[in-house]
Amino acid sequence: MQIPIDMLDPDTLRSVVENFITREGTDYGAHEVSLEAKIEQVMRQLRSGKAILVFDAEADSCNIITKP
C-alpha cells in the first residue's frame, strides 16, 4: 500500500528515509556522500514522485521504491 508522504509527520518521514538509507547500504560510487546529502536526495525523489513510500502489512515494514 502506498503511503502519501504528506500524511507523515516530517520527523517520522525523515526517520523512515534515514532507516532506508542505512538499511540498504547504498554505494554512491568513488565519492563519499554524507548521510544528510543522501537523505536530501531521497527526499527530493519522494517529493518529485520518482520514488514512493510503501507499507507491507504482511512484513509490517515500510520501504521506498522507484515509481513503476
N, C-alpha and C. Protein backbone atom coordinates (compact mmCIF):
# COMPACT_ATOMS: atom_id res chain seq x y z
N MET A 1 0.84 -1.16 0.00
CA MET A 1 0.00 0.00 0.00
C MET A 1 0.90 1.24 0.00
N GLN A 2 0.61 2.19 -0.88
CA GLN A 2 1.39 3.42 -0.94
C GLN A 2 0.97 4.36 0.18
N ILE A 3 1.95 5.01 0.79
CA ILE A 3 1.70 5.98 1.85
C ILE A 3 2.07 7.36 1.32
N PRO A 4 1.11 8.27 1.22
CA PRO A 4 1.44 9.64 0.80
C PRO A 4 2.38 10.28 1.83
N ILE A 5 3.48 10.85 1.37
CA ILE A 5 4.47 11.37 2.31
C ILE A 5 3.93 12.54 3.13
N ASP A 6 2.95 13.26 2.60
CA ASP A 6 2.40 14.39 3.35
C ASP A 6 1.49 13.93 4.50
N MET A 7 1.23 12.65 4.60
CA MET A 7 0.43 12.10 5.69
C MET A 7 1.29 11.85 6.94
N LEU A 8 2.61 11.89 6.76
CA LEU A 8 3.52 11.61 7.87
C LEU A 8 4.06 12.91 8.46
N ASP A 9 4.29 12.90 9.76
CA ASP A 9 4.98 13.99 10.42
C ASP A 9 6.39 14.09 9.79
N PRO A 10 6.91 15.29 9.55
CA PRO A 10 8.23 15.44 8.92
C PRO A 10 9.34 14.67 9.64
N ASP A 11 9.33 14.63 10.97
CA ASP A 11 10.34 13.88 11.71
C ASP A 11 10.21 12.38 11.48
N THR A 12 8.99 11.90 11.39
CA THR A 12 8.75 10.48 11.12
C THR A 12 9.22 10.12 9.72
N LEU A 13 8.90 10.96 8.74
CA LEU A 13 9.35 10.72 7.37
C LEU A 13 10.86 10.68 7.31
N ARG A 14 11.51 11.63 7.96
CA ARG A 14 12.98 11.66 7.96
C ARG A 14 13.53 10.37 8.57
N SER A 15 12.93 9.90 9.64
CA SER A 15 13.38 8.65 10.27
C SER A 15 13.23 7.46 9.33
N VAL A 16 12.12 7.42 8.61
CA VAL A 16 11.90 6.32 7.65
C VAL A 16 12.96 6.38 6.55
N VAL A 17 13.23 7.58 6.04
CA VAL A 17 14.23 7.74 4.97
C VAL A 17 15.61 7.36 5.49
N GLU A 18 15.96 7.82 6.67
CA GLU A 18 17.27 7.50 7.25
C GLU A 18 17.42 6.00 7.46
N ASN A 19 16.37 5.36 7.96
CA ASN A 19 16.41 3.91 8.15
C ASN A 19 16.59 3.20 6.82
N PHE A 20 15.90 3.66 5.79
CA PHE A 20 16.03 3.07 4.46
C PHE A 20 17.46 3.18 3.96
N ILE A 21 18.04 4.35 4.09
CA ILE A 21 19.40 4.58 3.59
C ILE A 21 20.41 3.70 4.32
N THR A 22 20.32 3.65 5.62
CA THR A 22 21.30 2.87 6.38
C THR A 22 21.06 1.37 6.24
N ARG A 23 19.83 0.98 6.00
CA ARG A 23 19.48 -0.44 5.83
C ARG A 23 19.99 -0.96 4.49
N GLU A 24 19.87 -0.15 3.46
CA GLU A 24 20.23 -0.60 2.12
C GLU A 24 21.74 -0.66 1.89
N GLY A 25 22.53 0.11 2.65
CA GLY A 25 23.97 0.11 2.42
C GLY A 25 24.32 0.59 1.03
N THR A 26 23.61 1.62 0.57
CA THR A 26 23.76 2.12 -0.78
C THR A 26 25.18 2.59 -1.06
N ASP A 27 25.71 2.23 -2.21
CA ASP A 27 27.02 2.66 -2.65
C ASP A 27 26.86 3.84 -3.60
N TYR A 28 27.47 4.95 -3.27
CA TYR A 28 27.34 6.15 -4.09
C TYR A 28 28.56 6.37 -4.99
N GLY A 29 29.37 5.35 -5.19
CA GLY A 29 30.49 5.45 -6.12
C GLY A 29 31.78 5.87 -5.44
N ALA A 30 32.66 6.50 -6.22
CA ALA A 30 34.01 6.83 -5.77
C ALA A 30 34.02 7.97 -4.76
N HIS A 31 33.00 8.80 -4.73
CA HIS A 31 32.97 9.95 -3.82
C HIS A 31 32.10 9.64 -2.60
N GLU A 32 32.65 10.00 -1.44
CA GLU A 32 31.90 9.82 -0.20
C GLU A 32 30.76 10.84 -0.16
N VAL A 33 29.57 10.38 0.22
CA VAL A 33 28.40 11.26 0.32
C VAL A 33 27.91 11.20 1.76
N SER A 34 27.68 12.37 2.36
CA SER A 34 27.24 12.42 3.76
C SER A 34 25.83 11.87 3.90
N LEU A 35 25.49 11.46 5.11
CA LEU A 35 24.15 10.97 5.38
C LEU A 35 23.12 12.06 5.07
N GLU A 36 23.42 13.30 5.43
CA GLU A 36 22.49 14.41 5.16
C GLU A 36 22.23 14.55 3.66
N ALA A 37 23.28 14.43 2.85
CA ALA A 37 23.12 14.54 1.39
C ALA A 37 22.28 13.38 0.86
N LYS A 38 22.50 12.20 1.38
CA LYS A 38 21.72 11.03 0.95
C LYS A 38 20.25 11.20 1.31
N ILE A 39 20.00 11.71 2.52
CA ILE A 39 18.61 11.94 2.96
C ILE A 39 17.95 12.94 2.02
N GLU A 40 18.63 14.02 1.72
CA GLU A 40 18.06 15.04 0.84
C GLU A 40 17.80 14.49 -0.56
N GLN A 41 18.69 13.64 -1.07
CA GLN A 41 18.48 13.03 -2.40
C GLN A 41 17.20 12.19 -2.41
N VAL A 42 17.01 11.37 -1.38
CA VAL A 42 15.82 10.52 -1.32
C VAL A 42 14.57 11.38 -1.12
N MET A 43 14.67 12.40 -0.28
CA MET A 43 13.52 13.28 -0.06
C MET A 43 13.11 13.97 -1.36
N ARG A 44 14.08 14.42 -2.15
CA ARG A 44 13.76 15.04 -3.45
C ARG A 44 13.04 14.05 -4.36
N GLN A 45 13.49 12.81 -4.37
CA GLN A 45 12.85 11.79 -5.20
C GLN A 45 11.43 11.53 -4.73
N LEU A 46 11.21 11.51 -3.43
CA LEU A 46 9.86 11.31 -2.89
C LEU A 46 8.96 12.50 -3.23
N ARG A 47 9.47 13.70 -3.06
CA ARG A 47 8.67 14.90 -3.36
C ARG A 47 8.32 15.01 -4.84
N SER A 48 9.25 14.60 -5.70
CA SER A 48 9.01 14.71 -7.14
C SER A 48 8.16 13.57 -7.69
N GLY A 49 7.97 12.52 -6.89
CA GLY A 49 7.18 11.38 -7.34
C GLY A 49 8.00 10.32 -8.05
N LYS A 50 9.32 10.50 -8.11
CA LYS A 50 10.18 9.49 -8.74
C LYS A 50 10.31 8.25 -7.86
N ALA A 51 10.08 8.43 -6.57
CA ALA A 51 10.09 7.32 -5.61
C ALA A 51 8.84 7.44 -4.76
N ILE A 52 8.41 6.30 -4.21
CA ILE A 52 7.23 6.30 -3.36
C ILE A 52 7.52 5.50 -2.09
N LEU A 53 6.76 5.84 -1.06
CA LEU A 53 6.85 5.14 0.22
C LEU A 53 5.72 4.12 0.26
N VAL A 54 6.08 2.87 0.55
CA VAL A 54 5.08 1.81 0.60
C VAL A 54 5.15 1.08 1.93
N PHE A 55 3.99 0.56 2.35
CA PHE A 55 3.90 -0.23 3.57
C PHE A 55 3.47 -1.64 3.21
N ASP A 56 4.20 -2.62 3.72
CA ASP A 56 3.87 -4.03 3.52
C ASP A 56 3.28 -4.55 4.83
N ALA A 57 1.97 -4.77 4.83
CA ALA A 57 1.28 -5.20 6.04
C ALA A 57 1.74 -6.58 6.50
N GLU A 58 2.04 -7.47 5.56
CA GLU A 58 2.49 -8.82 5.95
C GLU A 58 3.82 -8.77 6.66
N ALA A 59 4.74 -7.95 6.16
CA ALA A 59 6.06 -7.83 6.76
C ALA A 59 6.09 -6.77 7.86
N ASP A 60 5.01 -5.98 7.96
CA ASP A 60 4.92 -4.89 8.92
C ASP A 60 6.12 -3.96 8.80
N SER A 61 6.39 -3.53 7.54
CA SER A 61 7.54 -2.67 7.30
C SER A 61 7.27 -1.68 6.17
N CYS A 62 8.04 -0.60 6.20
CA CYS A 62 7.98 0.41 5.14
C CYS A 62 9.19 0.25 4.23
N ASN A 63 9.01 0.66 2.99
CA ASN A 63 10.12 0.65 2.05
C ASN A 63 9.94 1.81 1.09
N ILE A 64 11.00 2.20 0.44
CA ILE A 64 10.98 3.23 -0.58
C ILE A 64 11.38 2.58 -1.88
N ILE A 65 10.54 2.77 -2.89
CA ILE A 65 10.82 2.16 -4.19
C ILE A 65 10.70 3.22 -5.28
N THR A 66 11.36 2.97 -6.41
CA THR A 66 11.16 3.85 -7.53
C THR A 66 9.76 3.62 -8.09
N LYS A 67 9.17 4.69 -8.53
CA LYS A 67 7.79 4.60 -9.01
C LYS A 67 7.76 3.77 -10.29
N PRO A 68 6.86 2.78 -10.34
CA PRO A 68 6.77 1.91 -11.52
C PRO A 68 6.20 2.66 -12.72
